[in-house]
Amino acid sequence: MWNTKYLAGLALAAGMLLPATLSAQDLRYDNRDLHRDYQRVDRLRADMAADRARMNEDLRRGRTGAAAHEARDLARDRRALDAQLRDIRHDRRDIREDYGRR
């Protein structure tokens, strides 16, 4: 009888700890993902600044074809940046929800 109560208590304690452990792992993953997202945003912004500088130089020198190519590259980077910023907002919401669950 004593062993049954002991095992039941142990199983209950383990069951209560499992969601907290899973939540902590999820929170750790979300924070790591958010850090990578911010790094990608920084790289995209630097690439966009370089594209913008090349486009302005091409326009100044009268190379309209090259400037158009840079403008297309700049637009593609802008779409990627917007998508990355949406992903960051989603990750931040997940982190807020994970903190609320703890």
N, C-alpha and C. Protein backbone atom coordinates (compact mmCIF):
# COMPACT_ATOMS: atom_id res chain seq x y z
N MET A 1 0.81 -1.19 0.00
CA MET A 1 0.00 0.00 0.00
C MET A 1 0.86 1.26 0.00
N TRP A 2 1.88 1.26 0.82
CA TRP A 2 2.77 2.41 0.90
C TRP A 2 3.46 2.64 -0.45
N ASN A 3 3.90 1.57 -1.13
CA ASN A 3 4.56 1.68 -2.42
C ASN A 3 3.64 2.27 -3.48
N THR A 4 2.39 1.91 -3.46
CA THR A 4 1.42 2.42 -4.43
C THR A 4 1.23 3.92 -4.25
N LYS A 5 1.10 4.37 -3.00
CA LYS A 5 0.95 5.80 -2.74
C LYS A 5 2.21 6.56 -3.15
N TYR A 6 3.36 5.97 -2.88
CA TYR A 6 4.63 6.59 -3.23
C TYR A 6 4.76 6.73 -4.75
N LEU A 7 4.44 5.67 -5.47
CA LEU A 7 4.53 5.71 -6.93
C LEU A 7 3.51 6.67 -7.53
N ALA A 8 2.32 6.71 -6.96
CA ALA A 8 1.29 7.64 -7.45
C ALA A 8 1.74 9.08 -7.23
N GLY A 9 2.31 9.37 -6.09
CA GLY A 9 2.82 10.72 -5.81
C GLY A 9 3.97 11.09 -6.73
N LEU A 10 4.84 10.14 -7.00
CA LEU A 10 5.97 10.37 -7.90
C LEU A 10 5.47 10.62 -9.32
N ALA A 11 4.51 9.84 -9.77
CA ALA A 11 3.95 10.02 -11.11
C ALA A 11 3.25 11.38 -11.22
N LEU A 12 2.56 11.78 -10.19
CA LEU A 12 1.89 13.07 -10.19
C LEU A 12 2.90 14.22 -10.27
N ALA A 13 3.97 14.12 -9.49
CA ALA A 13 5.01 15.15 -9.50
C ALA A 13 5.68 15.23 -10.87
N ALA A 14 5.97 14.08 -11.46
CA ALA A 14 6.60 14.07 -12.78
C ALA A 14 5.65 14.65 -13.82
N GLY A 15 4.38 14.35 -13.71
CA GLY A 15 3.40 14.90 -14.64
C GLY A 15 3.25 16.40 -14.52
N MET A 16 3.45 16.92 -13.33
CA MET A 16 3.36 18.37 -13.15
C MET A 16 4.60 19.08 -13.66
N LEU A 17 5.74 18.42 -13.62
CA LEU A 17 6.98 19.04 -14.07
C LEU A 17 7.13 19.01 -15.59
N LEU A 18 6.53 18.04 -16.25
CA LEU A 18 6.69 17.88 -17.69
C LEU A 18 6.26 19.12 -18.48
N PRO A 19 5.09 19.69 -18.26
CA PRO A 19 4.72 20.89 -19.02
C PRO A 19 5.66 22.07 -18.79
N ALA A 20 6.14 22.23 -17.55
CA ALA A 20 7.07 23.33 -17.27
C ALA A 20 8.38 23.12 -18.01
N THR A 21 8.84 21.88 -18.10
CA THR A 21 10.07 21.58 -18.82
C THR A 21 9.88 21.84 -20.31
N LEU A 22 8.76 21.40 -20.85
CA LEU A 22 8.49 21.61 -22.28
C LEU A 22 8.36 23.09 -22.59
N SER A 23 7.73 23.84 -21.69
CA SER A 23 7.58 25.27 -21.88
C SER A 23 8.94 25.97 -21.86
N ALA A 24 9.81 25.57 -20.97
CA ALA A 24 11.16 26.16 -20.89
C ALA A 24 11.95 25.86 -22.15
N GLN A 25 11.81 24.64 -22.68
CA GLN A 25 12.52 24.30 -23.91
C GLN A 25 11.97 25.11 -25.07
N ASP A 26 10.65 25.29 -25.12
CA ASP A 26 10.04 26.08 -26.18
C ASP A 26 10.49 27.53 -26.09
N LEU A 27 10.55 28.06 -24.89
CA LEU A 27 10.99 29.43 -24.68
C LEU A 27 12.44 29.61 -25.12
N ARG A 28 13.29 28.64 -24.80
CA ARG A 28 14.69 28.70 -25.20
C ARG A 28 14.81 28.69 -26.73
N TYR A 29 14.02 27.82 -27.39
CA TYR A 29 14.03 27.76 -28.85
C TYR A 29 13.55 29.08 -29.45
N ASP A 30 12.47 29.64 -28.91
CA ASP A 30 11.94 30.90 -29.43
C ASP A 30 12.95 32.03 -29.28
N ASN A 31 13.64 32.10 -28.16
CA ASN A 31 14.65 33.15 -27.96
C ASN A 31 15.81 32.99 -28.94
N ARG A 32 16.25 31.76 -29.16
CA ARG A 32 17.33 31.50 -30.10
C ARG A 32 16.90 31.89 -31.52
N ASP A 33 15.66 31.53 -31.88
CA ASP A 33 15.14 31.86 -33.20
C ASP A 33 15.03 33.37 -33.37
N LEU A 34 14.59 34.06 -32.34
CA LEU A 34 14.47 35.51 -32.39
C LEU A 34 15.84 36.16 -32.60
N HIS A 35 16.85 35.65 -31.93
CA HIS A 35 18.21 36.18 -32.08
C HIS A 35 18.68 36.02 -33.52
N ARG A 36 18.44 34.86 -34.11
CA ARG A 36 18.82 34.64 -35.51
C ARG A 36 18.04 35.55 -36.45
N ASP A 37 16.78 35.77 -36.15
CA ASP A 37 15.97 36.67 -36.98
C ASP A 37 16.52 38.09 -36.97
N TYR A 38 16.92 38.58 -35.80
CA TYR A 38 17.49 39.92 -35.72
C TYR A 38 18.81 40.00 -36.48
N GLN A 39 19.61 38.93 -36.45
CA GLN A 39 20.85 38.93 -37.22
C GLN A 39 20.55 39.01 -38.72
N ARG A 40 19.53 38.28 -39.16
CA ARG A 40 19.17 38.31 -40.57
C ARG A 40 18.66 39.70 -40.97
N VAL A 41 17.90 40.35 -40.10
CA VAL A 41 17.42 41.70 -40.37
C VAL A 41 18.61 42.64 -40.54
N ASP A 42 19.60 42.53 -39.68
CA ASP A 42 20.79 43.38 -39.79
C ASP A 42 21.50 43.16 -41.13
N ARG A 43 21.65 41.88 -41.53
CA ARG A 43 22.31 41.59 -42.82
C ARG A 43 21.50 42.14 -43.99
N LEU A 44 20.17 41.99 -43.94
CA LEU A 44 19.32 42.51 -45.01
C LEU A 44 19.42 44.02 -45.11
N ARG A 45 19.42 44.70 -43.97
CA ARG A 45 19.51 46.16 -44.00
C ARG A 45 20.85 46.62 -44.54
N ALA A 46 21.93 45.92 -44.19
CA ALA A 46 23.24 46.27 -44.72
C ALA A 46 23.27 46.03 -46.24
N ASP A 47 22.70 44.93 -46.69
CA ASP A 47 22.65 44.62 -48.12
C ASP A 47 21.82 45.67 -48.86
N MET A 48 20.72 46.08 -48.25
CA MET A 48 19.88 47.10 -48.88
C MET A 48 20.61 48.44 -48.99
N ALA A 49 21.39 48.79 -47.98
CA ALA A 49 22.16 50.04 -48.03
C ALA A 49 23.20 49.98 -49.14
N ALA A 50 23.85 48.83 -49.29
CA ALA A 50 24.84 48.68 -50.36
C ALA A 50 24.16 48.73 -51.73
N ASP A 51 23.01 48.08 -51.86
CA ASP A 51 22.26 48.12 -53.13
C ASP A 51 21.83 49.54 -53.46
N ARG A 52 21.36 50.25 -52.45
CA ARG A 52 20.92 51.63 -52.66
C ARG A 52 22.09 52.51 -53.11
N ALA A 53 23.26 52.31 -52.50
CA ALA A 53 24.44 53.09 -52.88
C ALA A 53 24.85 52.77 -54.31
N ARG A 54 24.84 51.48 -54.69
CA ARG A 54 25.19 51.10 -56.07
C ARG A 54 24.17 51.66 -57.06
N MET A 55 22.89 51.62 -56.69
CA MET A 55 21.85 52.15 -57.58
C MET A 55 22.03 53.65 -57.78
N ASN A 56 22.32 54.37 -56.71
CA ASN A 56 22.54 55.81 -56.84
C ASN A 56 23.77 56.11 -57.70
N GLU A 57 24.81 55.32 -57.53
CA GLU A 57 26.02 55.49 -58.35
C GLU A 57 25.72 55.21 -59.82
N ASP A 58 24.96 54.14 -60.07
CA ASP A 58 24.59 53.81 -61.45
C ASP A 58 23.75 54.91 -62.08
N LEU A 59 22.82 55.47 -61.32
CA LEU A 59 22.00 56.56 -61.83
C LEU A 59 22.84 57.80 -62.09
N ARG A 60 23.77 58.07 -61.20
CA ARG A 60 24.63 59.24 -61.37
C ARG A 60 25.48 59.12 -62.62
N ARG A 61 25.92 57.90 -62.94
CA ARG A 61 26.78 57.68 -64.11
C ARG A 61 25.99 57.37 -65.37
N GLY A 62 24.64 57.35 -65.27
CA GLY A 62 23.82 57.15 -66.46
C GLY A 62 23.64 55.69 -66.87
N ARG A 63 23.93 54.76 -66.00
CA ARG A 63 23.76 53.33 -66.31
C ARG A 63 22.38 52.89 -65.85
N THR A 64 21.38 53.15 -66.66
CA THR A 64 20.00 52.89 -66.26
C THR A 64 19.70 51.40 -66.16
N GLY A 65 20.31 50.58 -67.01
CA GLY A 65 20.08 49.14 -66.94
C GLY A 65 20.60 48.56 -65.63
N ALA A 66 21.78 48.97 -65.24
CA ALA A 66 22.35 48.49 -63.98
C ALA A 66 21.54 49.03 -62.79
N ALA A 67 21.07 50.27 -62.91
CA ALA A 67 20.27 50.86 -61.84
C ALA A 67 18.94 50.11 -61.70
N ALA A 68 18.36 49.71 -62.81
CA ALA A 68 17.10 48.94 -62.77
C ALA A 68 17.33 47.59 -62.10
N HIS A 69 18.48 46.97 -62.39
CA HIS A 69 18.81 45.69 -61.76
C HIS A 69 18.94 45.87 -60.24
N GLU A 70 19.61 46.93 -59.82
CA GLU A 70 19.76 47.20 -58.39
C GLU A 70 18.40 47.51 -57.75
N ALA A 71 17.53 48.20 -58.49
CA ALA A 71 16.20 48.51 -57.95
C ALA A 71 15.40 47.23 -57.73
N ARG A 72 15.51 46.27 -58.67
CA ARG A 72 14.81 44.99 -58.49
C ARG A 72 15.39 44.23 -57.28
N ASP A 73 16.71 44.27 -57.14
CA ASP A 73 17.35 43.60 -56.01
C ASP A 73 16.93 44.26 -54.69
N LEU A 74 16.83 45.56 -54.71
CA LEU A 74 16.40 46.31 -53.53
C LEU A 74 14.96 45.96 -53.16
N ALA A 75 14.09 45.84 -54.16
CA ALA A 75 12.69 45.48 -53.90
C ALA A 75 12.58 44.07 -53.34
N ARG A 76 13.38 43.14 -53.86
CA ARG A 76 13.38 41.77 -53.35
C ARG A 76 13.85 41.74 -51.89
N ASP A 77 14.90 42.51 -51.59
CA ASP A 77 15.39 42.58 -50.22
C ASP A 77 14.36 43.21 -49.29
N ARG A 78 13.60 44.18 -49.77
CA ARG A 78 12.57 44.83 -48.97
C ARG A 78 11.47 43.82 -48.62
N ARG A 79 11.07 43.00 -49.60
CA ARG A 79 10.05 41.98 -49.33
C ARG A 79 10.56 40.97 -48.30
N ALA A 80 11.83 40.58 -48.44
CA ALA A 80 12.42 39.64 -47.48
C ALA A 80 12.49 40.26 -46.09
N LEU A 81 12.84 41.54 -46.01
CA LEU A 81 12.91 42.24 -44.72
C LEU A 81 11.53 42.32 -44.08
N ASP A 82 10.52 42.65 -44.87
CA ASP A 82 9.15 42.72 -44.34
C ASP A 82 8.70 41.36 -43.80
N ALA A 83 9.02 40.29 -44.53
CA ALA A 83 8.67 38.94 -44.07
C ALA A 83 9.41 38.60 -42.78
N GLN A 84 10.67 39.00 -42.69
CA GLN A 84 11.45 38.71 -41.49
C GLN A 84 10.91 39.48 -40.29
N LEU A 85 10.51 40.72 -40.50
CA LEU A 85 9.93 41.51 -39.41
C LEU A 85 8.60 40.92 -38.94
N ARG A 86 7.80 40.38 -39.88
CA ARG A 86 6.57 39.69 -39.47
C ARG A 86 6.90 38.47 -38.62
N ASP A 87 7.94 37.73 -39.02
CA ASP A 87 8.35 36.56 -38.25
C ASP A 87 8.82 36.95 -36.86
N ILE A 88 9.50 38.06 -36.74
CA ILE A 88 9.95 38.54 -35.43
C ILE A 88 8.75 38.87 -34.55
N ARG A 89 7.75 39.54 -35.12
CA ARG A 89 6.54 39.85 -34.34
C ARG A 89 5.86 38.57 -33.86
N HIS A 90 5.81 37.57 -34.72
CA HIS A 90 5.22 36.28 -34.36
C HIS A 90 6.01 35.62 -33.23
N ASP A 91 7.35 35.61 -33.35
CA ASP A 91 8.19 35.01 -32.31
C ASP A 91 8.05 35.74 -30.98
N ARG A 92 7.98 37.07 -31.03
CA ARG A 92 7.84 37.83 -29.79
C ARG A 92 6.51 37.52 -29.11
N ARG A 93 5.44 37.35 -29.91
CA ARG A 93 4.13 36.98 -29.35
C ARG A 93 4.21 35.60 -28.70
N ASP A 94 4.91 34.66 -29.37
CA ASP A 94 5.08 33.33 -28.79
C ASP A 94 5.82 33.39 -27.46
N ILE A 95 6.83 34.22 -27.39
CA ILE A 95 7.61 34.33 -26.15
C ILE A 95 6.73 34.92 -25.04
N ARG A 96 5.94 35.95 -25.37
CA ARG A 96 5.03 36.52 -24.35
C ARG A 96 4.05 35.48 -23.85
N GLU A 97 3.53 34.66 -24.76
CA GLU A 97 2.59 33.62 -24.37
C GLU A 97 3.28 32.55 -23.51
N ASP A 98 4.53 32.22 -23.86
CA ASP A 98 5.26 31.23 -23.07
C ASP A 98 5.54 31.74 -21.66
N TYR A 99 5.86 33.02 -21.51
CA TYR A 99 6.07 33.58 -20.19
C TYR A 99 4.78 33.55 -19.38
N GLY A 100 3.65 33.76 -20.05
CA GLY A 100 2.37 33.73 -19.36
C GLY A 100 1.99 32.34 -18.87
N ARG A 101 2.49 31.32 -19.57
CA ARG A 101 2.17 29.93 -19.21
C ARG A 101 2.95 29.45 -18.00
N ARG A 102 4.07 30.08 -17.71
CA ARG A 102 4.94 29.59 -16.63
C ARG A 102 4.37 29.91 -15.29
